Amino acid sequence: MLFLLFALLAASPADAAEPVTLPGAVWAVVPPAGFTVVTEPMAVFRHPAGALLMVQDSPKRAVSKAEFDIPPEQAGQMRVDEVAEITVDGRHAVLAIVYVHAQRALSVALMVEGEDSNGAIIAMLPDAAASQISVATLREAVLTAVERPKPIEARLESLPFKIGDMAGMRVAFYAVGVMLQLTDGPSDDPDEATSQAFANLMTMEIPAGTALDMQTDLAPMEARLRQEYPDAKILGSTVLKTQTGDVAEIRYERRTKASKPVAGVTWFKVIGGRGLVMICQYPVGDAAALAQLAKVRDGIMTR
């Protein structure tokens, strides 16, 4: 349902008395005692035992029990303990409790229809943490979800970077914390809107003293790309010399989930002690779209 990355850096403890809004979020929850805020690479609530409480938003739409239908081919991979349509803070919602065997973790997930957006509140309870945190505690926490709408400009202020030139692009999706998706057209669906350019941006802190070699890093970047897109045709990789520093680049072509061909480019650069990753797609052969994406890349700076 959601692809989320997590870090180990813990910030200040969350206040369990009132709903807490993560940086850049528009939904808030009351986290259970012992959970603290993790800000990179994704903002979540984390317990020292390994449990996570994730808060995300998506475009407003109707939700139903079908959100948690398990495809027949995945039936043996998970166990569904509960799926119920409920009301949360006066809003229609669906609550599900699902155990995922491969992850050895129980998921308590809430999908709720808000005023401006849908909320996805997901608690992950690994087996190793089950002796310290109860499912009932996590269930109670996700049901505290409340919507606190705010304009995208205010949300972007929580990012550790800013974009100097959007090059005609707009925000299609903002993942709480440090991840952002941009596009230059009306659709937010990169699988279908293959005539548009899309850019997924993420930054991560680089520990002091870390030695970076862009040329050496190209091989692991390409290996990771092949894991993500096994059918991708790699067209080339290089280290670009730009006015804002060296940029590791991998160019490729692939097909989307809708089997439509797109061109792709992945960039990595260092800005102000942070690593910037841009994973982009654009129409095959569209040099102007590639230049547009590069303009965005070169305008990104840390705050």
C-alpha atoms as a PDB file:
ATOM      1  CA  MET A   1       0.000   0.000   0.000  1.00  0.00           C
ATOM      2  CA  LEU A   2       2.811   2.385   0.837  1.00  0.00           C
ATOM      3  CA  PHE A   3       6.498   2.170   0.227  1.00  0.00           C
ATOM      4  CA  LEU A   4       8.283   3.737   3.282  1.00  0.00           C
ATOM      5  CA  LEU A   5      11.940   4.037   4.333  1.00  0.00           C
ATOM      6  CA  PHE A   6      13.043   4.469   7.982  1.00  0.00           C
ATOM      7  CA  ALA A   7      16.127   5.739   9.848  1.00  0.00           C
ATOM      8  CA  LEU A   8      17.557   5.153  13.302  1.00  0.00           C
ATOM      9  CA  LEU A   9      18.020   8.738  14.495  1.00  0.00           C
ATOM     10  CA  ALA A  10      15.569   9.503  17.326  1.00  0.00           C
ATOM     11  CA  ALA A  11      14.494  13.033  18.238  1.00  0.00           C
ATOM     12  CA  SER A  12      12.587  14.338  21.246  1.00  0.00           C
ATOM     13  CA  PRO A  13       9.918  12.188  22.921  1.00  0.00           C
ATOM     14  CA  ALA A  14       6.365  12.634  21.677  1.00  0.00           C
ATOM     15  CA  ASP A  15       3.781  14.052  24.021  1.00  0.00           C
ATOM     16  CA  ALA A  16       1.259  11.300  24.695  1.00  0.00           C
ATOM     17  CA  ALA A  17      -1.387  13.671  26.057  1.00  0.00           C
ATOM     18  CA  GLU A  18      -2.341  15.412  22.806  1.00  0.00           C
ATOM     19  CA  PRO A  19      -2.320  14.479  19.117  1.00  0.00           C
ATOM     20  CA  VAL A  20       1.145  15.040  17.647  1.00  0.00           C
ATOM     21  CA  THR A  21       1.701  16.177  14.060  1.00  0.00           C
ATOM     22  CA  LEU A  22       4.888  14.904  12.459  1.00  0.00           C
ATOM     23  CA  PRO A  23       6.961  17.414  10.435  1.00  0.00           C
ATOM     24  CA  GLY A  24       5.102  18.173   7.229  1.00  0.00           C
ATOM     25  CA  ALA A  25       2.094  16.021   8.108  1.00  0.00           C
ATOM     26  CA  VAL A  26      -1.590  16.951   7.925  1.00  0.00           C
ATOM     27  CA  TRP A  27      -2.764  14.064  10.120  1.00  0.00           C
ATOM     28  CA  ALA A  28      -1.938  13.737  13.803  1.00  0.00           C
ATOM     29  CA  VAL A  29      -2.129  10.900  16.326  1.00  0.00           C
ATOM     30  CA  VAL A  30      -1.550  10.362  20.019  1.00  0.00           C
ATOM     31  CA  PRO A  31       1.482   8.043  20.034  1.00  0.00           C
ATOM     32  CA  PRO A  32       1.725   5.414  22.780  1.00  0.00           C
ATOM     33  CA  ALA A  33       4.117   5.940  25.668  1.00  0.00           C
ATOM     34  CA  GLY A  34       7.723   5.186  24.748  1.00  0.00           C
ATOM     35  CA  PHE A  35       7.443   6.215  21.093  1.00  0.00           C
ATOM     36  CA  THR A  36       9.738   9.006  19.880  1.00  0.00           C
ATOM     37  CA  VAL A  37       9.908  10.974  16.647  1.00  0.00           C
ATOM     38  CA  VAL A  38      12.277   9.782  13.913  1.00  0.00           C
ATOM     39  CA  THR A  39      12.817  12.350  11.172  1.00  0.00           C
ATOM     40  CA  GLU A  40      14.960  10.606   8.558  1.00  0.00           C
ATOM     41  CA  PRO A  41      14.621   9.330   5.960  1.00  0.00           C
ATOM     42  CA  MET A  42      10.914   9.353   6.778  1.00  0.00           C
ATOM     43  CA  ALA A  43       9.204  10.996   9.732  1.00  0.00           C
ATOM     44  CA  VAL A  44       7.598   8.335  11.939  1.00  0.00           C
ATOM     45  CA  PHE A  45       7.057   7.501  15.592  1.00  0.00           C
ATOM     46  CA  ARG A  46       9.422   4.746  16.744  1.00  0.00           C
ATOM     47  CA  HIS A  47       9.690   2.584  19.846  1.00  0.00           C
ATOM     48  CA  PRO A  48      13.131   1.344  21.037  1.00  0.00           C
ATOM     49  CA  ALA A  49      11.874  -2.232  20.667  1.00  0.00           C
ATOM     50  CA  GLY A  50      11.419  -1.689  16.920  1.00  0.00           C
ATOM     51  CA  ALA A  51       7.713  -0.898  16.595  1.00  0.00           C
ATOM     52  CA  LEU A  52       6.750   1.943  14.230  1.00  0.00           C
ATOM     53  CA  LEU A  53       3.755   4.237  13.886  1.00  0.00           C
ATOM     54  CA  MET A  54       3.518   5.828  10.439  1.00  0.00           C
ATOM     55  CA  VAL A  55       1.277   8.722   9.423  1.00  0.00           C
ATOM     56  CA  GLN A  56       0.676   9.509   5.765  1.00  0.00           C
ATOM     57  CA  ASP A  57      -1.900  11.278   3.612  1.00  0.00           C
ATOM     58  CA  SER A  58      -3.221  10.700   0.097  1.00  0.00           C
ATOM     59  CA  PRO A  59      -5.838  12.308  -2.185  1.00  0.00           C
ATOM     60  CA  LYS A  60      -9.367  12.194  -0.821  1.00  0.00           C
ATOM     61  CA  ARG A  61     -11.511   9.310  -2.077  1.00  0.00           C
ATOM     62  CA  ALA A  62     -13.982   6.762  -0.756  1.00  0.00           C
ATOM     63  CA  VAL A  63     -12.478   3.867   1.201  1.00  0.00           C
ATOM     64  CA  SER A  64     -13.939   0.423   1.836  1.00  0.00           C
ATOM     65  CA  LYS A  65     -12.999  -3.004   3.101  1.00  0.00           C
ATOM     66  CA  ALA A  66     -11.705  -3.733  -0.398  1.00  0.00           C
ATOM     67  CA  GLU A  67      -8.605  -1.705   0.560  1.00  0.00           C
ATOM     68  CA  PHE A  68      -7.425  -4.797   2.400  1.00  0.00           C
ATOM     69  CA  ASP A  69      -8.506  -7.572   0.032  1.00  0.00           C
ATOM     70  CA  ILE A  70      -5.669 -10.087  -0.205  1.00  0.00           C
ATOM     71  CA  PRO A  71      -4.949 -11.373  -3.740  1.00  0.00           C
ATOM     72  CA  PRO A  72      -5.220 -15.180  -3.953  1.00  0.00           C
ATOM     73  CA  GLU A  73      -1.531 -15.518  -4.812  1.00  0.00           C
ATOM     74  CA  GLN A  74      -0.627 -13.735  -1.541  1.00  0.00           C
ATOM     75  CA  ALA A  75      -3.099 -15.567   0.673  1.00  0.00           C
ATOM     76  CA  GLY A  76      -0.402 -17.697   2.279  1.00  0.00           C
ATOM     77  CA  GLN A  77       1.870 -14.733   2.923  1.00  0.00           C
ATOM     78  CA  MET A  78      -0.323 -12.965   5.468  1.00  0.00           C
ATOM     79  CA  ARG A  79      -3.082 -13.535   7.975  1.00  0.00           C
ATOM     80  CA  VAL A  80      -6.030 -11.146   8.248  1.00  0.00           C
ATOM     81  CA  ASP A  81      -7.232 -10.890  11.846  1.00  0.00           C
ATOM     82  CA  GLU A  82      -9.726  -8.032  11.462  1.00  0.00           C
ATOM     83  CA  VAL A  83     -11.185  -5.735   8.808  1.00  0.00           C
ATOM     84  CA  ALA A  84     -13.964  -3.353   9.857  1.00  0.00           C
ATOM     85  CA  GLU A  85     -15.625  -0.189   8.594  1.00  0.00           C
ATOM     86  CA  ILE A  86     -15.756   2.281  11.462  1.00  0.00           C
ATOM     87  CA  THR A  87     -16.022   5.999  12.244  1.00  0.00           C
ATOM     88  CA  VAL A  88     -13.000   7.972  13.448  1.00  0.00           C
ATOM     89  CA  ASP A  89     -13.424  11.569  14.591  1.00  0.00           C
ATOM     90  CA  GLY A  90     -16.706  11.651  12.703  1.00  0.00           C
ATOM     91  CA  ARG A  91     -15.103  10.362   9.491  1.00  0.00           C
ATOM     92  CA  HIS A  92     -15.680   7.098   7.639  1.00  0.00           C
ATOM     93  CA  ALA A  93     -12.722   4.737   7.965  1.00  0.00           C
ATOM     94  CA  VAL A  94     -11.564   1.149   7.581  1.00  0.00           C
ATOM     95  CA  LEU A  95      -9.447  -0.567  10.226  1.00  0.00           C
ATOM     96  CA  ALA A  96      -7.445  -3.717   9.499  1.00  0.00           C
ATOM     97  CA  ILE A  97      -5.155  -5.919  11.567  1.00  0.00           C
ATOM     98  CA  VAL A  98      -2.943  -8.101   9.376  1.00  0.00           C
ATOM     99  CA  TYR A  99       0.028 -10.331  10.164  1.00  0.00           C
ATOM    100  CA  VAL A 100       2.765 -10.485   7.475  1.00  0.00           C
ATOM    101  CA  HIS A 101       4.742 -13.721   7.770  1.00  0.00           C
ATOM    102  CA  ALA A 102       7.808 -12.621   5.789  1.00  0.00           C
ATOM    103  CA  GLN A 103       8.271  -9.539   7.964  1.00  0.00           C
ATOM    104  CA  ARG A 104       7.319 -11.358  11.148  1.00  0.00           C
ATOM    105  CA  ALA A 105       5.260  -8.351  12.075  1.00  0.00           C
ATOM    106  CA  LEU A 106       1.680  -7.402  12.775  1.00  0.00           C
ATOM    107  CA  SER A 107       0.232  -4.358  11.022  1.00  0.00           C
ATOM    108  CA  VAL A 108      -2.567  -2.249  12.525  1.00  0.00           C
ATOM    109  CA  ALA A 109      -3.721  -0.057   9.638  1.00  0.00           C
ATOM    110  CA  LEU A 110      -6.335   2.668   9.410  1.00  0.00           C
ATOM    111  CA  MET A 111      -7.548   4.306   6.199  1.00  0.00           C
ATOM    112  CA  VAL A 112      -9.743   7.309   6.982  1.00  0.00           C
ATOM    113  CA  GLU A 113     -11.543   9.817   4.766  1.00  0.00           C
ATOM    114  CA  GLY A 114     -10.750  13.362   5.839  1.00  0.00           C
ATOM    115  CA  GLU A 115     -11.996  16.791   4.847  1.00  0.00           C
ATOM    116  CA  ASP A 116      -9.144  17.568   2.463  1.00  0.00           C
ATOM    117  CA  SER A 117      -7.277  14.262   2.250  1.00  0.00           C
ATOM    118  CA  ASN A 118      -7.302  10.616   3.271  1.00  0.00           C
ATOM    119  CA  GLY A 119      -5.192   9.526   6.192  1.00  0.00           C
ATOM    120  CA  ALA A 120      -3.184   6.303   6.299  1.00  0.00           C
ATOM    121  CA  ILE A 121      -2.152   5.501   9.851  1.00  0.00           C
ATOM    122  CA  ILE A 122      -0.126   2.296  10.071  1.00  0.00           C
ATOM    123  CA  ALA A 123       1.459   0.715  13.140  1.00  0.00           C
ATOM    124  CA  MET A 124       4.003  -2.072  12.632  1.00  0.00           C
ATOM    125  CA  LEU A 125       4.625  -4.456  15.526  1.00  0.00           C
ATOM    126  CA  PRO A 126       7.509  -6.903  14.951  1.00  0.00           C
ATOM    127  CA  ASP A 127       7.373 -10.193  16.833  1.00  0.00           C
ATOM    128  CA  ALA A 128      10.455  -9.100  18.789  1.00  0.00           C
ATOM    129  CA  ALA A 129       8.545  -6.120  20.195  1.00  0.00           C
ATOM    130  CA  ALA A 130       5.298  -7.942  21.013  1.00  0.00           C
ATOM    131  CA  SER A 131       6.309  -8.588  24.628  1.00  0.00           C
ATOM    132  CA  GLN A 132       6.671  -4.838  25.254  1.00  0.00           C
ATOM    133  CA  ILE A 133       3.776  -3.375  23.245  1.00  0.00           C
ATOM    134  CA  SER A 134       0.274  -4.747  22.888  1.00  0.00           C
ATOM    135  CA  VAL A 135      -1.864  -4.799  19.773  1.00  0.00           C
ATOM    136  CA  ALA A 136      -4.598  -3.110  21.805  1.00  0.00           C
ATOM    137  CA  THR A 137      -2.251  -0.192  22.541  1.00  0.00           C
ATOM    138  CA  LEU A 138      -1.463   0.289  18.856  1.00  0.00           C
ATOM    139  CA  ARG A 139      -5.115  -0.082  17.898  1.00  0.00           C
ATOM    140  CA  GLU A 140      -6.020   2.661  20.354  1.00  0.00           C
ATOM    141  CA  ALA A 141      -3.256   4.895  18.974  1.00  0.00           C
ATOM    142  CA  VAL A 142      -4.292   4.704  15.307  1.00  0.00           C
ATOM    143  CA  LEU A 143      -7.886   5.484  16.267  1.00  0.00           C
ATOM    144  CA  THR A 144      -6.782   8.886  17.654  1.00  0.00           C
ATOM    145  CA  ALA A 145      -6.122  10.126  14.091  1.00  0.00           C
ATOM    146  CA  VAL A 146      -7.272  13.689  13.405  1.00  0.00           C
ATOM    147  CA  GLU A 147      -6.828  15.829  10.292  1.00  0.00           C
ATOM    148  CA  ARG A 148      -5.073  19.184  10.512  1.00  0.00           C
ATOM    149  CA  PRO A 149      -5.112  20.631   6.967  1.00  0.00           C
ATOM    150  CA  LYS A 150      -2.386  23.033   5.905  1.00  0.00           C
ATOM    151  CA  PRO A 151      -1.232  24.396   2.527  1.00  0.00           C
ATOM    152  CA  ILE A 152       1.559  22.578   0.703  1.00  0.00           C
ATOM    153  CA  GLU A 153       3.804  25.644   1.061  1.00  0.00           C
ATOM    154  CA  ALA A 154       3.655  25.327   4.849  1.00  0.00           C
ATOM    155  CA  ARG A 155       4.312  21.588   4.683  1.00  0.00           C
ATOM    156  CA  LEU A 156       7.393  22.041   2.514  1.00  0.00           C
ATOM    157  CA  GLU A 157       8.924  24.297   5.157  1.00  0.00           C
ATOM    158  CA  SER A 158       9.635  21.143   7.172  1.00  0.00           C
ATOM    159  CA  LEU A 159      11.924  19.743   4.466  1.00  0.00           C
ATOM    160  CA  PRO A 160      15.685  19.976   5.122  1.00  0.00           C
ATOM    161  CA  PHE A 161      16.118  21.277   1.566  1.00  0.00           C
ATOM    162  CA  LYS A 162      14.469  23.825  -0.686  1.00  0.00           C
ATOM    163  CA  ILE A 163      14.063  23.970  -4.451  1.00  0.00           C
ATOM    164  CA  GLY A 164      15.379  27.158  -5.964  1.00  0.00           C
ATOM    165  CA  ASP A 165      13.682  26.632  -9.331  1.00  0.00           C
ATOM    166  CA  MET A 166      10.658  24.353  -9.798  1.00  0.00           C
ATOM    167  CA  ALA A 167      11.096  24.666 -13.587  1.00  0.00           C
ATOM    168  CA  GLY A 168       7.342  24.611 -14.140  1.00  0.00           C
ATOM    169  CA  MET A 169       6.806  21.523 -12.001  1.00  0.00           C
ATOM    170  CA  ARG A 170       4.425  21.089  -9.078  1.00  0.00           C
ATOM    171  CA  VAL A 171       4.181  18.840  -6.031  1.00  0.00           C
ATOM    172  CA  ALA A 172       2.327  15.618  -6.871  1.00  0.00           C
ATOM    173  CA  PHE A 173       3.009  13.801  -3.613  1.00  0.00           C
ATOM    174  CA  TYR A 174       4.676  14.685  -0.329  1.00  0.00           C
ATOM    175  CA  ALA A 175       5.804  11.883   1.959  1.00  0.00           C
ATOM    176  CA  VAL A 176       6.125  13.052   5.535  1.00  0.00           C
ATOM    177  CA  GLY A 177       9.745  13.792   6.346  1.00  0.00           C
ATOM    178  CA  VAL A 178      12.192  14.293   3.477  1.00  0.00           C
ATOM    179  CA  MET A 179      10.593  12.757   0.379  1.00  0.00           C
ATOM    180  CA  LEU A 180       8.858  14.642  -2.419  1.00  0.00           C
ATOM    181  CA  GLN A 181       7.438  13.849  -5.861  1.00  0.00           C
ATOM    182  CA  LEU A 182       7.186  16.522  -8.552  1.00  0.00           C
ATOM    183  CA  THR A 183       5.510  16.461 -11.964  1.00  0.00           C
ATOM    184  CA  ASP A 184       4.851  18.876 -14.813  1.00  0.00           C
ATOM    185  CA  GLY A 185       1.343  17.775 -15.807  1.00  0.00           C
ATOM    186  CA  PRO A 186      -2.175  17.334 -14.438  1.00  0.00           C
ATOM    187  CA  SER A 187      -1.938  13.645 -13.447  1.00  0.00           C
ATOM    188  CA  ASP A 188      -0.346  12.355 -10.249  1.00  0.00           C
ATOM    189  CA  ASP A 189       0.019   8.801 -11.608  1.00  0.00           C
ATOM    190  CA  PRO A 190       3.483   8.101 -13.090  1.00  0.00           C
ATOM    191  CA  ASP A 191       2.379   4.654 -14.296  1.00  0.00           C
ATOM    192  CA  GLU A 192      -0.298   6.095 -16.566  1.00  0.00           C
ATOM    193  CA  ALA A 193       0.853   9.652 -17.320  1.00  0.00           C
ATOM    194  CA  THR A 194       3.908   8.712 -19.366  1.00  0.00           C
ATOM    195  CA  SER A 195       3.760  11.980 -21.326  1.00  0.00           C
ATOM    196  CA  GLN A 196       4.667  13.847 -18.126  1.00  0.00           C
ATOM    197  CA  ALA A 197       7.973  14.194 -16.308  1.00  0.00           C
ATOM    198  CA  PHE A 198       8.176  12.976 -12.710  1.00  0.00           C
ATOM    199  CA  ALA A 199      10.912  13.394 -10.117  1.00  0.00           C
ATOM    200  CA  ASN A 200      11.149  11.684  -6.740  1.00  0.00           C
ATOM    201  CA  LEU A 201      13.444  13.628  -4.413  1.00  0.00           C
ATOM    202  CA  MET A 202      14.944  12.453  -1.156  1.00  0.00           C
ATOM    203  CA  THR A 203      17.853  13.682   0.931  1.00  0.00           C
ATOM    204  CA  MET A 204      19.719  11.953   3.729  1.00  0.00           C
ATOM    205  CA  GLU A 205      22.289  13.160   6.206  1.00  0.00           C
ATOM    206  CA  ILE A 206      25.846  12.056   5.433  1.00  0.00           C
ATOM    207  CA  PRO A 207      27.738  11.184   8.641  1.00  0.00           C
ATOM    208  CA  ALA A 208      30.811  13.299   9.272  1.00  0.00           C
ATOM    209  CA  GLY A 209      33.987  11.705   7.965  1.00  0.00           C
ATOM    210  CA  THR A 210      32.214   9.590   5.336  1.00  0.00           C
ATOM    211  CA  ALA A 211      34.366   9.176   2.245  1.00  0.00           C
ATOM    212  CA  LEU A 212      32.435   9.518  -1.002  1.00  0.00           C
ATOM    213  CA  ASP A 213      33.655   8.479  -4.449  1.00  0.00           C
ATOM    214  CA  MET A 214      31.042   9.162  -7.107  1.00  0.00           C
ATOM    215  CA  GLN A 215      32.705   6.910  -9.669  1.00  0.00           C
ATOM    216  CA  THR A 216      32.880   3.988  -7.243  1.00  0.00           C
ATOM    217  CA  ASP A 217      29.295   4.567  -6.115  1.00  0.00           C
ATOM    218  CA  LEU A 218      27.921   4.085  -9.642  1.00  0.00           C
ATOM    219  CA  ALA A 219      28.083   0.272  -9.410  1.00  0.00           C
ATOM    220  CA  PRO A 220      25.975  -0.069  -6.222  1.00  0.00           C
ATOM    221  CA  MET A 221      23.576   2.564  -7.586  1.00  0.00           C
ATOM    222  CA  GLU A 222      23.095   0.508 -10.734  1.00  0.00           C
ATOM    223  CA  ALA A 223      22.634  -2.700  -8.711  1.00  0.00           C
ATOM    224  CA  ARG A 224      19.946  -1.039  -6.605  1.00  0.00           C
ATOM    225  CA  LEU A 225      18.253   0.277  -9.741  1.00  0.00           C
ATOM    226  CA  ARG A 226      18.128  -3.237 -11.209  1.00  0.00           C
ATOM    227  CA  GLN A 227      16.467  -4.479  -8.027  1.00  0.00           C
ATOM    228  CA  GLU A 228      13.800  -1.788  -8.326  1.00  0.00           C
ATOM    229  CA  TYR A 229      13.330  -2.161 -12.099  1.00  0.00           C
ATOM    230  CA  PRO A 230      14.490  -5.655 -13.162  1.00  0.00           C
ATOM    231  CA  ASP A 231      13.431  -5.071 -16.774  1.00  0.00           C
ATOM    232  CA  ALA A 232      15.227  -1.736 -17.127  1.00  0.00           C
ATOM    233  CA  LYS A 233      17.644  -1.303 -20.016  1.00  0.00           C
ATOM    234  CA  ILE A 234      20.683   0.594 -18.717  1.00  0.00           C
ATOM    235  CA  LEU A 235      21.806   3.137 -21.304  1.00  0.00           C
ATOM    236  CA  GLY A 236      24.849   4.484 -19.492  1.00  0.00           C
ATOM    237  CA  SER A 237      26.320   5.748 -16.254  1.00  0.00           C
ATOM    238  CA  THR A 238      28.742   8.580 -15.614  1.00  0.00           C
ATOM    239  CA  VAL A 239      29.801  11.320 -13.222  1.00  0.00           C
ATOM    240  CA  LEU A 240      28.705  14.740 -14.451  1.00  0.00           C
ATOM    241  CA  LYS A 241      30.636  17.910 -13.706  1.00  0.00           C
ATOM    242  CA  THR A 242      28.059  20.628 -12.987  1.00  0.00           C
ATOM    243  CA  GLN A 243      28.183  24.153 -11.605  1.00  0.00           C
ATOM    244  CA  THR A 244      26.804  22.823  -8.318  1.00  0.00           C
ATOM    245  CA  GLY A 245      29.254  19.905  -8.018  1.00  0.00           C
ATOM    246  CA  ASP A 246      29.709  16.327  -9.187  1.00  0.00           C
ATOM    247  CA  VAL A 247      26.581  14.304  -9.974  1.00  0.00           C
ATOM    248  CA  ALA A 248      26.474  10.521 -10.340  1.00  0.00           C
ATOM    249  CA  GLU A 249      24.078   9.673 -13.184  1.00  0.00           C
ATOM    250  CA  ILE A 250      22.473   6.474 -14.459  1.00  0.00           C
ATOM    251  CA  ARG A 251      20.268   6.663 -17.562  1.00  0.00           C
ATOM    252  CA  TYR A 252      17.890   3.891 -18.552  1.00  0.00           C
ATOM    253  CA  GLU A 253      14.614   2.968 -20.213  1.00  0.00           C
ATOM    254  CA  ARG A 254      11.920   0.793 -18.666  1.00  0.00           C
ATOM    255  CA  ARG A 255       8.210   0.028 -18.750  1.00  0.00           C
ATOM    256  CA  THR A 256       5.761   1.223 -16.122  1.00  0.00           C
ATOM    257  CA  LYS A 257       3.322  -1.087 -14.347  1.00  0.00           C
ATOM    258  CA  ALA A 258       0.895  -0.191 -17.141  1.00  0.00           C
ATOM    259  CA  SER A 259       3.475  -1.560 -19.632  1.00  0.00           C
ATOM    260  CA  LYS A 260       4.139   1.862 -21.121  1.00  0.00           C
ATOM    261  CA  PRO A 261       7.737   2.772 -22.064  1.00  0.00           C
ATOM    262  CA  VAL A 262       9.453   5.671 -20.286  1.00  0.00           C
ATOM    263  CA  ALA A 263      12.951   7.071 -20.069  1.00  0.00           C
ATOM    264  CA  GLY A 264      14.564   7.232 -16.657  1.00  0.00           C
ATOM    265  CA  VAL A 265      17.465   8.915 -14.959  1.00  0.00           C
ATOM    266  CA  THR A 266      18.728   8.601 -11.398  1.00  0.00           C
ATOM    267  CA  TRP A 267      21.011  11.265  -9.970  1.00  0.00           C
ATOM    268  CA  PHE A 268      23.010  11.468  -6.752  1.00  0.00           C
ATOM    269  CA  LYS A 269      24.834  14.549  -5.509  1.00  0.00           C
ATOM    270  CA  VAL A 270      25.959  16.093  -2.238  1.00  0.00           C
ATOM    271  CA  ILE A 271      24.497  19.388  -1.022  1.00  0.00           C
ATOM    272  CA  GLY A 272      25.547  20.931   2.271  1.00  0.00           C
ATOM    273  CA  GLY A 273      26.455  17.678   3.985  1.00  0.00           C
ATOM    274  CA  ARG A 274      23.393  15.840   2.717  1.00  0.00           C
ATOM    275  CA  GLY A 275      23.052  13.331  -0.075  1.00  0.00           C
ATOM    276  CA  LEU A 276      20.364  14.111  -2.643  1.00  0.00           C
ATOM    277  CA  VAL A 277      18.789  11.297  -4.662  1.00  0.00           C
ATOM    278  CA  MET A 278      16.547  12.114  -7.629  1.00  0.00           C
ATOM    279  CA  ILE A 279      14.766   9.242  -9.374  1.00  0.00           C
ATOM    280  CA  CYS A 280      13.109  10.616 -12.496  1.00  0.00           C
ATOM    281  CA  GLN A 281      11.053   9.460 -15.451  1.00  0.00           C
ATOM    282  CA  TYR A 282      10.158  11.358 -18.615  1.00  0.00           C
ATOM    283  CA  PRO A 283       8.926  10.655 -22.156  1.00  0.00           C
ATOM    284  CA  VAL A 284      11.389   8.656 -24.243  1.00  0.00           C
ATOM    285  CA  GLY A 285      13.520  10.965 -26.392  1.00  0.00           C
ATOM    286  CA  ASP A 286      12.244  14.175 -24.737  1.00  0.00           C
ATOM    287  CA  ALA A 287      15.447  16.216 -24.300  1.00  0.00           C
ATOM    288  CA  ALA A 288      13.494  19.247 -23.063  1.00  0.00           C
ATOM    289  CA  ALA A 289      11.968  17.216 -20.224  1.00  0.00           C
ATOM    290  CA  LEU A 290      15.425  15.936 -19.233  1.00  0.00           C
ATOM    291  CA  ALA A 291      16.741  19.512 -19.195  1.00  0.00           C
ATOM    292  CA  GLN A 292      13.754  20.563 -17.084  1.00  0.00           C
ATOM    293  CA  LEU A 293      14.563  17.862 -14.504  1.00  0.00           C
ATOM    294  CA  ALA A 294      18.237  18.860 -14.476  1.00  0.00           C
ATOM    295  CA  LYS A 295      17.228  22.456 -13.801  1.00  0.00           C
ATOM    296  CA  VAL A 296      15.313  21.339 -10.730  1.00  0.00           C
ATOM    297  CA  ARG A 297      18.279  19.216  -9.618  1.00  0.00           C
ATOM    298  CA  ASP A 298      20.748  22.072  -9.874  1.00  0.00           C
ATOM    299  CA  GLY A 299      18.473  24.461  -7.957  1.00  0.00           C
ATOM    300  CA  ILE A 300      18.124  22.321  -4.829  1.00  0.00           C
ATOM    301  CA  MET A 301      19.904  23.599  -1.734  1.00  0.00           C
ATOM    302  CA  THR A 302      19.908  22.893   1.987  1.00  0.00           C
ATOM    303  CA  ARG A 303      18.229  25.295   4.382  1.00  0.00           C
END
